[in-house]
Protein backbone atom coordinates (compact mmCIF):
# COMPACT_ATOMS: atom_id res chain seq x y z
CA MET A 1 115.32 113.14 84.84
CA LYS A 2 112.60 110.71 83.84
CA ILE A 3 110.23 109.82 86.70
CA LEU A 4 107.88 106.84 86.63
CA GLY A 5 104.88 107.63 88.85
CA ILE A 6 102.93 104.62 90.14
CA ASP A 7 99.58 104.34 91.92
CA PRO A 8 99.52 100.62 92.79
CA GLY A 9 96.48 98.39 92.88
CA LEU A 10 95.39 94.89 91.94
CA GLY A 11 92.50 95.94 89.70
CA ILE A 12 94.13 99.09 88.31
CA VAL A 13 97.73 100.26 88.39
CA GLY A 14 97.95 103.88 87.32
CA TYR A 15 101.29 104.91 85.84
CA SER A 16 102.85 107.96 84.27
CA VAL A 17 106.19 109.03 82.88
CA VAL A 18 107.17 112.60 83.71
CA GLU A 19 110.29 114.37 82.42
CA TYR A 20 111.74 116.90 84.84
CA ASP A 21 114.56 119.27 83.92
CA GLY A 22 114.70 121.07 87.25
CA ASN A 23 112.08 123.64 86.25
CA THR A 24 108.87 122.30 84.78
CA PRO A 25 107.55 118.72 84.79
CA VAL A 26 106.36 117.47 81.40
CA LEU A 27 104.04 114.48 81.04
CA LEU A 28 105.52 112.13 78.43
CA HIS A 29 103.06 109.26 78.79
CA SER A 30 100.39 107.93 81.13
CA GLY A 31 98.14 104.92 81.29
CA SER A 32 96.93 102.02 83.38
CA ILE A 33 97.30 98.32 83.80
CA GLN A 34 93.83 96.87 84.33
CA THR A 35 93.34 93.30 85.46
CA SER A 36 90.12 91.29 85.36
CA LYS A 37 88.27 90.41 88.56
CA ASP A 38 87.39 87.13 86.84
CA LYS A 39 91.01 85.94 87.05
CA LYS A 40 92.73 84.45 90.09
CA GLU A 41 94.88 86.84 92.10
CA ALA A 42 98.09 85.08 91.02
CA ALA A 43 97.18 85.52 87.34
CA ARG A 44 96.45 89.20 87.91
CA LEU A 45 99.79 89.69 89.68
CA LEU A 46 101.57 87.98 86.79
CA GLU A 47 99.84 90.35 84.37
CA ILE A 48 101.05 93.34 86.42
CA TRP A 49 104.57 91.85 86.48
CA GLU A 50 104.62 91.40 82.70
CA ASP A 51 103.19 94.85 81.92
CA MET A 52 105.51 96.60 84.38
CA ASN A 53 108.50 94.92 82.75
CA ILE A 54 107.35 96.29 79.38
CA ILE A 55 106.79 99.80 80.78
CA VAL A 56 110.14 100.00 82.58
CA ASP A 57 112.01 98.57 79.60
CA LYS A 58 110.29 100.93 77.15
CA TYR A 59 110.52 104.21 79.11
CA LYS A 60 113.75 103.56 81.04
CA PRO A 61 112.93 105.79 84.02
CA ASP A 62 115.72 107.26 86.13
CA VAL A 63 113.62 106.90 89.29
CA CYS A 64 110.21 105.70 90.40
CA ALA A 65 107.85 107.56 92.74
CA ILE A 66 105.25 105.16 94.13
CA GLU A 67 102.40 105.49 96.57
CA LYS A 68 103.28 104.08 99.97
CA LEU A 69 100.71 102.03 101.86
CA PHE A 70 100.38 103.43 105.32
CA PHE A 71 96.79 102.85 106.44
CA PHE A 72 93.79 101.17 104.92
CA ARG A 73 90.22 101.37 106.20
CA ASN A 74 89.11 98.46 104.03
CA GLN A 75 90.96 95.39 105.32
CA THR A 76 89.77 93.24 102.39
CA THR A 77 91.65 95.35 99.83
CA VAL A 78 94.88 96.07 101.68
CA MET A 79 96.49 92.65 101.07
CA PRO A 80 95.84 92.47 97.30
CA VAL A 81 97.13 96.05 96.90
CA ALA A 82 100.20 95.15 98.97
CA HIS A 83 100.79 92.09 96.79
CA ALA A 84 100.53 94.20 93.61
CA ARG A 85 102.86 96.78 95.10
CA GLY A 86 105.35 94.01 95.93
CA VAL A 87 105.33 92.81 92.33
CA ILE A 88 105.90 96.37 91.09
CA LEU A 89 108.76 96.95 93.53
CA THR A 90 110.36 93.68 92.41
CA VAL A 91 110.28 94.76 88.75
CA LEU A 92 111.82 98.12 89.67
CA GLU A 93 114.56 96.38 91.64
CA LYS A 94 115.21 94.02 88.71
CA TYR A 95 115.92 97.04 86.48
CA GLY A 96 117.85 98.92 89.17
CA VAL A 97 115.39 101.82 89.27
CA PRO A 98 115.69 103.83 92.52
CA ILE A 99 112.40 103.86 94.42
CA PHE A 100 110.93 106.80 96.35
CA GLU A 101 107.74 106.33 98.35
CA TYR A 102 105.11 108.94 99.23
CA THR A 103 101.93 108.56 101.26
CA PRO A 104 98.71 110.02 99.83
CA MET A 105 98.82 112.67 102.56
CA GLU A 106 102.37 113.67 101.57
CA VAL A 107 101.36 113.98 97.91
CA LYS A 108 98.36 116.15 98.80
CA GLN A 109 100.45 118.31 101.13
CA VAL A 110 103.15 118.88 98.51
CA LEU A 111 100.73 119.61 95.64
CA THR A 112 98.05 121.63 97.43
CA GLY A 113 99.58 122.68 100.74
CA TYR A 114 96.91 120.69 102.59
CA GLY A 115 97.33 116.99 103.45
CA ARG A 116 93.60 116.32 103.45
CA ALA A 117 92.82 117.94 100.10
CA ASP A 118 90.15 116.25 97.99
CA LYS A 119 90.64 114.68 94.56
CA LYS A 120 89.39 117.76 92.70
CA GLU A 121 91.94 120.01 94.42
CA VAL A 122 94.77 117.60 93.56
CA GLU A 123 93.55 117.31 89.96
CA GLN A 124 93.46 121.10 89.65
CA MET A 125 97.06 121.41 90.88
CA VAL A 126 98.18 118.68 88.46
CA LYS A 127 96.55 120.63 85.60
CA ILE A 128 98.21 123.87 86.69
CA THR A 129 101.61 122.24 87.15
CA LEU A 130 101.51 120.57 83.73
CA GLY A 131 99.84 123.56 82.02
CA VAL A 132 97.02 121.42 80.61
CA ASP A 133 93.23 121.69 80.60
CA VAL A 134 92.45 117.97 80.39
CA LEU A 135 93.72 115.01 82.39
CA PRO A 136 93.30 111.26 81.84
CA LYS A 137 89.89 109.95 82.87
CA LEU A 138 91.06 107.35 85.40
CA ASP A 139 91.71 108.64 88.92
CA ASP A 140 94.49 106.06 89.30
CA THR A 141 96.37 107.51 86.34
CA VAL A 142 95.93 111.09 87.59
CA ASP A 143 97.14 109.95 91.01
CA SER A 144 100.29 108.50 89.42
CA ILE A 145 100.98 111.88 87.79
CA ALA A 146 100.49 113.62 91.14
CA ILE A 147 102.94 111.20 92.77
CA ALA A 148 105.54 111.89 90.06
CA ILE A 149 105.05 115.66 90.46
CA CYS A 150 105.42 115.24 94.23
CA HIS A 151 108.83 113.70 93.62
CA THR A 152 109.93 116.73 91.54
CA ARG A 153 109.32 118.85 94.63
CA SER A 154 111.06 116.58 97.11
CA ASN A 155 114.45 117.19 98.66
CA VAL A 156 115.99 114.20 96.87
CA VAL A 157 115.68 115.71 93.39
CA SER A 158 118.84 117.56 92.39
């Protein structure tokens, strides 16, 4: 099973492609879509739309695991992130990719056993799970890998 992990955002969309055979997840590819703050929101959303179409078409994921928005302290960022997430969900629907949503707390709980784990603890568990010493530099990309790994441990994976 090929899982597309997504950490949505307007400025940065972290994504990863993880192969899972029922035993060990393997990272096939990871990266980010980065949009410029100098562009209008609509132009940035279009860029995310176009790049997501390329990613889904190229990697042909069986499913997508995406971060679910559940609570935001910063009210100024919640709407743009929600808009970006909507664009991403629309692309996934266009390609018929089943969508599974996980809150940050769920991802942390599944990976570390503690829903309020910090970034370093999550990163460490991602390294251990993948059997690697180095992860991508961007937190958003690492988060997308964690979300994909979370899906491998969910009850919906057969």
